[in-house]
Amino acid sequence: MALLFIDGFDHYQTSDIPKNYSQSSVGTPATILPTSGRRGGGCLNLPNSAWVIKNIASSTNVIVGAAINLTTATGQNN
């Protein structure tokens, strides 16, 4: 098994998101917040119904890790 992709969101701006991700075109789009990450670095901000997708090479086993900060979690879908 090999590391296929990792992202800390520290090295680019909101306008660079389409270079690495497909994102929703409905509602408020995803943005990069340059100093709001958990260690003061950048983070991906997904407001309301925003989403992003990262396509990686197909594999039998994939392990995904993420750090998530839910500032507002309401409703049964959160």
N, C-alpha and C. Protein backbone atom coordinates (compact mmCIF):
# COMPACT_ATOMS: atom_id res chain seq x y z
N MET A 1 0.84 -1.16 0.00
CA MET A 1 0.00 0.00 0.00
C MET A 1 0.89 1.23 0.00
N ALA A 2 0.46 2.27 -0.69
CA ALA A 2 1.23 3.50 -0.81
C ALA A 2 0.34 4.71 -0.54
N LEU A 3 0.94 5.78 -0.08
CA LEU A 3 0.22 7.03 0.09
C LEU A 3 -0.11 7.58 -1.28
N LEU A 4 -1.39 7.81 -1.55
CA LEU A 4 -1.82 8.28 -2.86
C LEU A 4 -2.06 9.78 -2.91
N PHE A 5 -2.48 10.36 -1.78
CA PHE A 5 -2.79 11.79 -1.76
C PHE A 5 -2.87 12.27 -0.33
N ILE A 6 -2.37 13.48 -0.09
CA ILE A 6 -2.50 14.11 1.22
C ILE A 6 -2.62 15.61 0.98
N ASP A 7 -3.40 16.28 1.81
CA ASP A 7 -3.58 17.72 1.61
C ASP A 7 -3.80 18.40 2.95
N GLY A 8 -3.07 19.46 3.19
CA GLY A 8 -3.22 20.22 4.42
C GLY A 8 -3.86 21.58 4.19
N PHE A 9 -4.10 21.95 2.94
CA PHE A 9 -4.75 23.20 2.56
C PHE A 9 -3.95 24.45 2.94
N ASP A 10 -2.67 24.30 3.22
CA ASP A 10 -1.83 25.44 3.57
C ASP A 10 -1.20 26.12 2.35
N HIS A 11 -1.15 25.45 1.25
CA HIS A 11 -0.32 25.90 0.14
C HIS A 11 -1.07 26.47 -1.05
N TYR A 12 -2.37 26.69 -0.96
CA TYR A 12 -3.06 27.32 -2.07
C TYR A 12 -4.26 28.13 -1.61
N GLN A 13 -4.84 28.86 -2.56
CA GLN A 13 -5.97 29.74 -2.28
C GLN A 13 -7.26 29.12 -2.80
N THR A 14 -8.38 29.76 -2.49
CA THR A 14 -9.69 29.28 -2.93
C THR A 14 -9.73 29.06 -4.44
N SER A 15 -9.13 29.96 -5.20
CA SER A 15 -9.16 29.84 -6.66
C SER A 15 -8.41 28.61 -7.16
N ASP A 16 -7.60 27.98 -6.31
CA ASP A 16 -6.85 26.79 -6.69
C ASP A 16 -7.60 25.48 -6.41
N ILE A 17 -8.72 25.52 -5.72
CA ILE A 17 -9.46 24.29 -5.36
C ILE A 17 -9.75 23.43 -6.60
N PRO A 18 -10.22 24.00 -7.72
CA PRO A 18 -10.51 23.14 -8.89
C PRO A 18 -9.31 22.41 -9.47
N LYS A 19 -8.10 22.80 -9.12
CA LYS A 19 -6.91 22.09 -9.60
C LYS A 19 -6.78 20.72 -8.96
N ASN A 20 -7.31 20.54 -7.74
CA ASN A 20 -7.19 19.27 -7.02
C ASN A 20 -8.51 18.57 -6.75
N TYR A 21 -9.61 19.29 -6.84
CA TYR A 21 -10.91 18.72 -6.46
C TYR A 21 -11.99 19.11 -7.45
N SER A 22 -13.01 18.27 -7.54
CA SER A 22 -14.27 18.64 -8.18
C SER A 22 -15.13 19.17 -7.05
N GLN A 23 -15.92 20.21 -7.30
CA GLN A 23 -16.74 20.75 -6.23
C GLN A 23 -18.14 21.07 -6.70
N SER A 24 -19.02 21.25 -5.72
CA SER A 24 -20.42 21.52 -6.02
C SER A 24 -20.56 22.85 -6.75
N SER A 25 -21.55 22.93 -7.60
CA SER A 25 -21.83 24.17 -8.30
C SER A 25 -23.16 24.77 -7.82
N VAL A 26 -23.72 24.18 -6.78
CA VAL A 26 -24.98 24.65 -6.23
C VAL A 26 -24.74 25.18 -4.82
N GLY A 27 -25.35 26.27 -4.48
CA GLY A 27 -25.20 26.82 -3.13
C GLY A 27 -23.88 27.53 -2.94
N THR A 28 -23.50 27.74 -1.70
CA THR A 28 -22.26 28.43 -1.35
C THR A 28 -21.08 27.51 -1.64
N PRO A 29 -20.10 27.97 -2.43
CA PRO A 29 -18.96 27.09 -2.76
C PRO A 29 -17.97 26.92 -1.62
N ALA A 30 -17.14 25.91 -1.73
CA ALA A 30 -16.05 25.68 -0.78
C ALA A 30 -15.03 26.80 -0.89
N THR A 31 -14.37 27.10 0.22
CA THR A 31 -13.32 28.11 0.23
C THR A 31 -12.13 27.61 1.05
N ILE A 32 -10.99 28.25 0.87
CA ILE A 32 -9.81 27.99 1.69
C ILE A 32 -9.71 29.12 2.70
N LEU A 33 -9.63 28.78 3.98
CA LEU A 33 -9.41 29.77 5.03
C LEU A 33 -7.94 29.66 5.44
N PRO A 34 -7.12 30.67 5.16
CA PRO A 34 -5.67 30.55 5.30
C PRO A 34 -5.13 30.40 6.72
N THR A 35 -5.87 30.81 7.75
CA THR A 35 -5.33 30.75 9.11
C THR A 35 -6.30 30.11 10.10
N SER A 36 -7.29 29.38 9.63
CA SER A 36 -8.32 28.82 10.53
C SER A 36 -8.15 27.34 10.81
N GLY A 37 -7.07 26.73 10.35
CA GLY A 37 -6.83 25.32 10.63
C GLY A 37 -6.52 25.10 12.10
N ARG A 38 -6.51 23.86 12.54
CA ARG A 38 -6.35 23.59 13.97
C ARG A 38 -4.98 23.96 14.52
N ARG A 39 -4.00 24.14 13.69
CA ARG A 39 -2.67 24.58 14.14
C ARG A 39 -2.32 25.96 13.59
N GLY A 40 -3.34 26.72 13.17
CA GLY A 40 -3.12 28.07 12.65
C GLY A 40 -2.82 28.13 11.17
N GLY A 41 -2.81 26.99 10.50
CA GLY A 41 -2.59 26.96 9.06
C GLY A 41 -3.90 27.00 8.30
N GLY A 42 -3.87 26.63 7.05
CA GLY A 42 -5.04 26.68 6.21
C GLY A 42 -6.00 25.52 6.46
N CYS A 43 -7.25 25.72 6.02
CA CYS A 43 -8.24 24.65 6.10
C CYS A 43 -9.25 24.82 4.97
N LEU A 44 -9.94 23.74 4.67
CA LEU A 44 -11.02 23.75 3.68
C LEU A 44 -12.31 24.07 4.41
N ASN A 45 -13.02 25.08 3.96
CA ASN A 45 -14.29 25.49 4.56
C ASN A 45 -15.42 25.04 3.65
N LEU A 46 -16.31 24.22 4.19
CA LEU A 46 -17.45 23.70 3.43
C LEU A 46 -18.74 24.24 4.05
N PRO A 47 -19.20 25.42 3.63
CA PRO A 47 -20.41 25.99 4.20
C PRO A 47 -21.67 25.33 3.66
N ASN A 48 -22.67 25.24 4.51
CA ASN A 48 -24.00 24.74 4.13
C ASN A 48 -23.93 23.45 3.33
N SER A 49 -24.33 23.47 2.07
CA SER A 49 -24.41 22.25 1.27
C SER A 49 -23.22 22.08 0.33
N ALA A 50 -22.11 22.76 0.59
CA ALA A 50 -20.93 22.65 -0.28
C ALA A 50 -20.27 21.28 -0.11
N TRP A 51 -19.63 20.80 -1.16
CA TRP A 51 -18.89 19.54 -1.11
C TRP A 51 -17.76 19.57 -2.11
N VAL A 52 -16.76 18.74 -1.90
CA VAL A 52 -15.67 18.54 -2.85
C VAL A 52 -15.43 17.04 -3.01
N ILE A 53 -14.91 16.65 -4.16
CA ILE A 53 -14.60 15.25 -4.44
C ILE A 53 -13.16 15.17 -4.93
N LYS A 54 -12.41 14.21 -4.41
CA LYS A 54 -11.06 13.94 -4.89
C LYS A 54 -11.05 12.54 -5.49
N ASN A 55 -10.77 12.44 -6.76
CA ASN A 55 -10.66 11.14 -7.41
C ASN A 55 -9.23 10.64 -7.29
N ILE A 56 -9.09 9.40 -6.87
CA ILE A 56 -7.77 8.77 -6.78
C ILE A 56 -7.81 7.47 -7.56
N ALA A 57 -6.64 6.91 -7.80
CA ALA A 57 -6.55 5.66 -8.54
C ALA A 57 -7.35 4.58 -7.82
N SER A 58 -7.99 3.72 -8.58
CA SER A 58 -8.78 2.66 -7.97
C SER A 58 -7.87 1.66 -7.24
N SER A 59 -8.40 1.12 -6.17
CA SER A 59 -7.65 0.19 -5.35
C SER A 59 -8.63 -0.70 -4.61
N THR A 60 -8.19 -1.88 -4.22
CA THR A 60 -9.04 -2.77 -3.46
C THR A 60 -9.29 -2.21 -2.06
N ASN A 61 -8.27 -1.67 -1.43
CA ASN A 61 -8.38 -1.11 -0.08
C ASN A 61 -7.96 0.34 -0.08
N VAL A 62 -8.77 1.18 0.53
CA VAL A 62 -8.46 2.59 0.65
C VAL A 62 -8.70 3.01 2.09
N ILE A 63 -7.75 3.69 2.68
CA ILE A 63 -7.90 4.22 4.04
C ILE A 63 -7.95 5.74 3.93
N VAL A 64 -8.96 6.34 4.54
CA VAL A 64 -9.16 7.77 4.48
C VAL A 64 -9.11 8.33 5.90
N GLY A 65 -8.42 9.44 6.08
CA GLY A 65 -8.39 10.10 7.37
C GLY A 65 -8.72 11.57 7.20
N ALA A 66 -9.34 12.16 8.20
CA ALA A 66 -9.70 13.58 8.13
C ALA A 66 -9.83 14.14 9.53
N ALA A 67 -9.54 15.42 9.65
CA ALA A 67 -9.83 16.17 10.88
C ALA A 67 -10.97 17.11 10.54
N ILE A 68 -12.03 17.05 11.31
CA ILE A 68 -13.24 17.81 11.00
C ILE A 68 -13.63 18.66 12.21
N ASN A 69 -13.98 19.90 11.95
CA ASN A 69 -14.48 20.80 12.98
C ASN A 69 -15.87 21.24 12.57
N LEU A 70 -16.89 20.75 13.24
CA LEU A 70 -18.27 21.14 12.96
C LEU A 70 -18.62 22.31 13.86
N THR A 71 -18.69 23.51 13.28
CA THR A 71 -19.03 24.67 14.09
C THR A 71 -20.52 24.73 14.35
N THR A 72 -21.32 24.22 13.43
CA THR A 72 -22.76 24.14 13.61
C THR A 72 -23.22 22.82 13.05
N ALA A 73 -23.81 21.99 13.86
CA ALA A 73 -24.31 20.70 13.40
C ALA A 73 -25.77 20.58 13.81
N THR A 74 -26.65 20.79 12.86
CA THR A 74 -28.08 20.66 13.14
C THR A 74 -28.70 19.74 12.11
N GLY A 75 -29.81 19.15 12.43
CA GLY A 75 -30.50 18.26 11.51
C GLY A 75 -29.97 16.85 11.59
N GLN A 76 -30.68 15.94 11.01
CA GLN A 76 -30.31 14.54 11.11
C GLN A 76 -29.25 14.10 10.12
N ASN A 77 -28.86 14.95 9.16
CA ASN A 77 -27.84 14.58 8.17
C ASN A 77 -26.43 14.98 8.58
N ASN A 78 -26.26 15.60 9.74
CA ASN A 78 -24.94 16.06 10.15
C ASN A 78 -24.25 15.07 11.06
